[in-house]
Amino acid sequence: MGTIYNRSVMEKAKEYYKRDYTDGYRRKCEFYLKAIQDALESENVPKIEYSVAKLDYFLRRQKEYLDKKQDNIFCERLGIDKKSK
């Protein structure tokens, strides 16, 4: 039987454990690139497939992060407040 948590406790925990990707997903991409290299050396096909899928996911997320970052910089330079849109 699982523990029932108060909603505010879960919200606090969610905020506390919120990940901060100040450099986007670069570290995740580097991690999975290394995992692919290691799996290739050991010829571990399931690990290669898993790592390639994860790298693909984080590369897409990194692209989204960079696009958003560039958009924010562009708006800032033009003096556009994106929050008021």
Protein backbone atom coordinates (compact mmCIF):
# COMPACT_ATOMS: atom_id res chain seq x y z
CA MET A 1 0.00 0.00 0.00
CA GLY A 2 1.46 3.32 -1.09
CA THR A 3 1.75 6.47 0.94
CA ILE A 4 -0.82 9.17 0.27
CA TYR A 5 0.82 12.57 -0.06
CA ASN A 6 -0.70 15.94 0.60
CA ARG A 7 -0.95 17.97 -2.65
CA SER A 8 1.11 20.86 -1.25
CA VAL A 9 3.88 18.46 -0.21
CA MET A 10 4.05 17.06 -3.75
CA GLU A 11 4.07 20.57 -5.25
CA LYS A 12 6.92 21.59 -2.95
CA ALA A 13 8.87 18.46 -3.86
CA LYS A 14 8.27 19.09 -7.55
CA GLU A 15 9.62 22.63 -7.21
CA TYR A 16 12.58 21.48 -5.10
CA TYR A 17 13.63 18.80 -7.57
CA LYS A 18 13.00 20.93 -10.66
CA ARG A 19 15.92 20.50 -13.02
CA ASP A 20 17.87 23.55 -14.05
CA TYR A 21 19.28 23.20 -17.54
CA THR A 22 21.21 26.47 -17.75
CA ASP A 23 23.20 25.16 -20.70
CA GLY A 24 20.27 23.34 -22.23
CA TYR A 25 20.69 19.62 -22.69
CA ARG A 26 24.35 19.73 -23.72
CA ARG A 27 25.51 17.56 -20.81
CA LYS A 28 22.86 14.94 -21.57
CA CYS A 29 23.92 14.90 -25.23
CA GLU A 30 27.57 14.48 -24.25
CA PHE A 31 26.65 11.68 -21.85
CA TYR A 32 24.79 9.69 -24.51
CA LEU A 33 27.51 10.30 -27.11
CA LYS A 34 29.96 8.73 -24.66
CA ALA A 35 27.50 5.90 -23.97
CA ILE A 36 27.28 5.20 -27.72
CA GLN A 37 31.08 5.13 -27.97
CA ASP A 38 31.33 2.72 -25.04
CA ALA A 39 28.57 0.49 -26.46
CA LEU A 40 30.25 0.44 -29.88
CA GLU A 41 33.54 -0.63 -28.31
CA SER A 42 31.83 -3.44 -26.40
CA GLU A 43 29.59 -4.29 -29.38
CA ASN A 44 26.51 -4.11 -27.16
CA VAL A 45 23.73 -3.66 -29.75
CA PRO A 46 20.81 -3.09 -27.31
CA LYS A 47 22.82 -0.42 -25.49
CA ILE A 48 23.74 1.21 -28.83
CA GLU A 49 20.08 1.34 -29.87
CA TYR A 50 18.99 2.70 -26.48
CA SER A 51 21.72 5.35 -26.39
CA VAL A 52 21.03 6.45 -29.97
CA ALA A 53 17.33 6.88 -29.15
CA LYS A 54 18.14 8.89 -26.02
CA LEU A 55 20.67 11.03 -27.90
CA ASP A 56 18.10 11.73 -30.61
CA TYR A 57 15.59 12.81 -27.96
CA PHE A 58 18.03 15.15 -26.19
CA LEU A 59 19.35 16.59 -29.45
CA ARG A 60 15.79 17.57 -30.38
CA ARG A 61 15.31 19.11 -26.93
CA GLN A 62 18.62 20.98 -27.25
CA LYS A 63 17.54 22.37 -30.63
CA GLU A 64 14.26 23.58 -29.08
CA TYR A 65 16.19 25.12 -26.20
CA LEU A 66 18.57 26.95 -28.53
CA ASP A 67 15.75 28.14 -30.79
CA LYS A 68 13.89 29.54 -27.78
CA LYS A 69 17.06 31.12 -26.43
CA GLN A 70 17.78 32.82 -29.76
CA ASP A 71 14.17 34.01 -29.98
CA ASN A 72 14.40 35.47 -26.47
CA ILE A 73 17.67 37.26 -27.32
CA PHE A 74 16.16 38.64 -30.53
CA CYS A 75 13.05 39.93 -28.69
CA GLU A 76 15.21 41.45 -25.96
CA ARG A 77 17.28 43.33 -28.55
CA LEU A 78 14.10 44.65 -30.18
CA GLY A 79 12.67 45.61 -26.81
CA ILE A 80 9.73 43.21 -27.10
CA ASP A 81 8.33 41.85 -23.86
CA LYS A 82 7.36 38.27 -24.69
CA LYS A 83 5.36 37.93 -21.48
CA SER A 84 2.91 40.64 -22.53
CA LYS A 85 2.11 38.89 -25.82
